[in-house]
Amino acid sequence: EADDFEKLVPEGDAQWNSLRESLNNDPLHRLERQAKFEGERCILMSAKLISPVIEDTFTVGYQWYVYMGF
């Protein structure tokens, strides 16, 4: 959705660039990015730990893990 909006803004628009930079660097946005990164890291780590136990290969175990919604 954000990409669609950026297509409407002319390139080199100093006001838009300033606003986008401010929004991308505010504390809440940084916290959101950090939480997303940590969540993805935890999912991958737990999938790596259990996938060999529940299936023959990591790939199949990971697919099972994601399919189950963990």
N, C-alpha and C. Protein backbone atom coordinates (compact mmCIF):
# COMPACT_ATOMS: atom_id res chain seq x y z
N GLU A 1 0.81 -1.18 0.00
CA GLU A 1 0.00 0.00 0.00
C GLU A 1 0.86 1.26 0.00
N ALA A 2 1.92 1.27 0.78
CA ALA A 2 2.79 2.44 0.82
C ALA A 2 3.47 2.64 -0.52
N ASP A 3 3.83 1.54 -1.20
CA ASP A 3 4.46 1.65 -2.50
C ASP A 3 3.53 2.32 -3.51
N ASP A 4 2.24 2.01 -3.43
CA ASP A 4 1.27 2.64 -4.32
C ASP A 4 1.23 4.15 -4.09
N PHE A 5 1.28 4.55 -2.83
CA PHE A 5 1.25 5.98 -2.52
C PHE A 5 2.49 6.67 -3.05
N GLU A 6 3.64 6.01 -2.91
CA GLU A 6 4.88 6.63 -3.38
C GLU A 6 4.88 6.84 -4.88
N LYS A 7 4.14 6.03 -5.62
CA LYS A 7 4.05 6.21 -7.07
C LYS A 7 3.34 7.52 -7.41
N LEU A 8 2.47 7.99 -6.52
CA LEU A 8 1.72 9.22 -6.76
C LEU A 8 2.53 10.48 -6.45
N VAL A 9 3.56 10.33 -5.62
CA VAL A 9 4.36 11.48 -5.21
C VAL A 9 5.47 11.70 -6.24
N PRO A 10 5.60 12.94 -6.72
CA PRO A 10 6.66 13.20 -7.71
C PRO A 10 8.05 12.95 -7.12
N GLU A 11 8.94 12.43 -7.93
CA GLU A 11 10.31 12.20 -7.47
C GLU A 11 10.97 13.53 -7.16
N GLY A 12 11.78 13.55 -6.14
CA GLY A 12 12.49 14.76 -5.78
C GLY A 12 11.65 15.74 -4.98
N ASP A 13 10.48 15.35 -4.53
CA ASP A 13 9.63 16.22 -3.71
C ASP A 13 10.26 16.31 -2.33
N ALA A 14 10.87 17.45 -2.03
CA ALA A 14 11.62 17.62 -0.79
C ALA A 14 10.72 17.47 0.43
N GLN A 15 9.50 17.99 0.35
CA GLN A 15 8.58 17.89 1.48
C GLN A 15 8.23 16.44 1.78
N TRP A 16 7.92 15.67 0.74
CA TRP A 16 7.58 14.26 0.92
C TRP A 16 8.78 13.48 1.45
N ASN A 17 9.96 13.75 0.88
CA ASN A 17 11.16 13.04 1.34
C ASN A 17 11.43 13.31 2.82
N SER A 18 11.22 14.54 3.26
CA SER A 18 11.41 14.89 4.65
C SER A 18 10.40 14.17 5.54
N LEU A 19 9.14 14.17 5.11
CA LEU A 19 8.09 13.49 5.88
C LEU A 19 8.36 11.99 5.96
N ARG A 20 8.71 11.37 4.83
CA ARG A 20 8.99 9.93 4.81
C ARG A 20 10.16 9.59 5.72
N GLU A 21 11.20 10.40 5.69
CA GLU A 21 12.36 10.15 6.54
C GLU A 21 11.98 10.26 8.02
N SER A 22 11.16 11.25 8.34
CA SER A 22 10.71 11.42 9.73
C SER A 22 9.89 10.22 10.19
N LEU A 23 8.97 9.77 9.33
CA LEU A 23 8.11 8.65 9.70
C LEU A 23 8.90 7.35 9.83
N ASN A 24 9.88 7.15 8.99
CA ASN A 24 10.67 5.92 9.03
C ASN A 24 11.63 5.88 10.20
N ASN A 25 11.90 7.02 10.81
CA ASN A 25 12.88 7.07 11.90
C ASN A 25 12.27 7.41 13.25
N ASP A 26 10.93 7.45 13.33
CA ASP A 26 10.35 7.78 14.63
C ASP A 26 10.47 6.56 15.56
N PRO A 27 10.44 6.80 16.86
CA PRO A 27 10.65 5.71 17.83
C PRO A 27 9.66 4.55 17.69
N LEU A 28 8.40 4.84 17.43
CA LEU A 28 7.42 3.77 17.30
C LEU A 28 7.71 2.90 16.08
N HIS A 29 8.10 3.51 14.98
CA HIS A 29 8.43 2.73 13.78
C HIS A 29 9.66 1.86 14.02
N ARG A 30 10.65 2.40 14.71
CA ARG A 30 11.85 1.61 15.03
C ARG A 30 11.48 0.43 15.93
N LEU A 31 10.62 0.67 16.91
CA LEU A 31 10.17 -0.39 17.81
C LEU A 31 9.41 -1.47 17.03
N GLU A 32 8.56 -1.05 16.11
CA GLU A 32 7.81 -1.99 15.29
C GLU A 32 8.74 -2.85 14.43
N ARG A 33 9.73 -2.22 13.81
CA ARG A 33 10.69 -2.98 13.00
C ARG A 33 11.47 -3.97 13.85
N GLN A 34 11.89 -3.55 15.05
CA GLN A 34 12.64 -4.43 15.95
C GLN A 34 11.78 -5.61 16.38
N ALA A 35 10.51 -5.35 16.72
CA ALA A 35 9.61 -6.42 17.15
C ALA A 35 9.37 -7.41 16.00
N LYS A 36 9.22 -6.91 14.79
CA LYS A 36 9.02 -7.77 13.63
C LYS A 36 10.27 -8.63 13.40
N PHE A 37 11.43 -8.03 13.49
CA PHE A 37 12.68 -8.76 13.31
C PHE A 37 12.82 -9.86 14.36
N GLU A 38 12.55 -9.52 15.62
CA GLU A 38 12.67 -10.50 16.70
C GLU A 38 11.67 -11.64 16.52
N GLY A 39 10.45 -11.31 16.10
CA GLY A 39 9.44 -12.34 15.87
C GLY A 39 9.85 -13.29 14.77
N GLU A 40 10.35 -12.74 13.67
CA GLU A 40 10.79 -13.59 12.56
C GLU A 40 11.98 -14.45 12.97
N ARG A 41 12.88 -13.87 13.75
CA ARG A 41 14.05 -14.62 14.22
C ARG A 41 13.63 -15.76 15.13
N CYS A 42 12.67 -15.51 16.02
CA CYS A 42 12.19 -16.56 16.93
C CYS A 42 11.48 -17.68 16.17
N ILE A 43 10.68 -17.31 15.18
CA ILE A 43 9.99 -18.32 14.37
C ILE A 43 11.00 -19.20 13.65
N LEU A 44 11.98 -18.57 13.02
CA LEU A 44 12.99 -19.34 12.29
C LEU A 44 13.80 -20.22 13.22
N MET A 45 14.18 -19.70 14.38
CA MET A 45 14.98 -20.48 15.32
C MET A 45 14.19 -21.68 15.83
N SER A 46 12.93 -21.47 16.18
CA SER A 46 12.14 -22.58 16.69
C SER A 46 11.87 -23.60 15.59
N ALA A 47 11.68 -23.14 14.37
CA ALA A 47 11.49 -24.07 13.25
C ALA A 47 12.76 -24.90 13.03
N LYS A 48 13.91 -24.25 13.15
CA LYS A 48 15.18 -24.97 12.98
C LYS A 48 15.35 -26.03 14.07
N LEU A 49 14.89 -25.72 15.26
CA LEU A 49 15.04 -26.67 16.37
C LEU A 49 14.12 -27.87 16.24
N ILE A 50 12.87 -27.67 15.84
CA ILE A 50 11.94 -28.78 15.84
C ILE A 50 11.77 -29.47 14.49
N SER A 51 12.11 -28.80 13.39
CA SER A 51 11.85 -29.40 12.08
C SER A 51 12.56 -30.73 11.85
N PRO A 52 13.82 -30.89 12.27
CA PRO A 52 14.45 -32.20 12.06
C PRO A 52 13.80 -33.32 12.88
N VAL A 53 13.15 -32.96 13.97
CA VAL A 53 12.53 -33.95 14.84
C VAL A 53 11.18 -34.40 14.27
N ILE A 54 10.44 -33.47 13.67
CA ILE A 54 9.09 -33.80 13.21
C ILE A 54 9.04 -34.28 11.77
N GLU A 55 10.08 -34.00 10.99
CA GLU A 55 10.12 -34.43 9.58
C GLU A 55 11.54 -34.85 9.23
N ASP A 56 11.70 -35.40 8.03
CA ASP A 56 13.02 -35.90 7.60
C ASP A 56 14.00 -34.78 7.26
N THR A 57 13.50 -33.67 6.72
CA THR A 57 14.39 -32.57 6.32
C THR A 57 13.90 -31.27 6.95
N PHE A 58 14.81 -30.30 6.97
CA PHE A 58 14.46 -28.99 7.51
C PHE A 58 13.33 -28.36 6.70
N THR A 59 13.42 -28.45 5.38
CA THR A 59 12.42 -27.82 4.52
C THR A 59 11.02 -28.35 4.79
N VAL A 60 10.88 -29.64 4.85
CA VAL A 60 9.56 -30.24 5.09
C VAL A 60 9.09 -29.91 6.51
N GLY A 61 9.98 -29.96 7.47
CA GLY A 61 9.63 -29.61 8.84
C GLY A 61 9.24 -28.15 8.97
N TYR A 62 9.94 -27.28 8.28
CA TYR A 62 9.61 -25.86 8.31
C TYR A 62 8.24 -25.61 7.69
N GLN A 63 7.97 -26.28 6.58
CA GLN A 63 6.66 -26.13 5.94
C GLN A 63 5.55 -26.59 6.88
N TRP A 64 5.77 -27.68 7.58
CA TRP A 64 4.79 -28.15 8.55
C TRP A 64 4.60 -27.11 9.64
N TYR A 65 5.70 -26.58 10.14
CA TYR A 65 5.66 -25.60 11.22
C TYR A 65 4.86 -24.36 10.80
N VAL A 66 5.11 -23.87 9.61
CA VAL A 66 4.40 -22.69 9.12
C VAL A 66 2.93 -23.03 8.86
N TYR A 67 2.68 -24.21 8.29
CA TYR A 67 1.31 -24.62 8.01
C TYR A 67 0.47 -24.70 9.29
N MET A 68 1.08 -25.16 10.36
CA MET A 68 0.38 -25.30 11.63
C MET A 68 0.15 -23.94 12.29
N GLY A 69 0.83 -22.92 11.83
CA GLY A 69 0.60 -21.57 12.34
C GLY A 69 1.33 -21.21 13.60
N PHE A 70 2.44 -21.84 13.85
CA PHE A 70 3.20 -21.51 15.04
C PHE A 70 3.94 -20.24 14.87
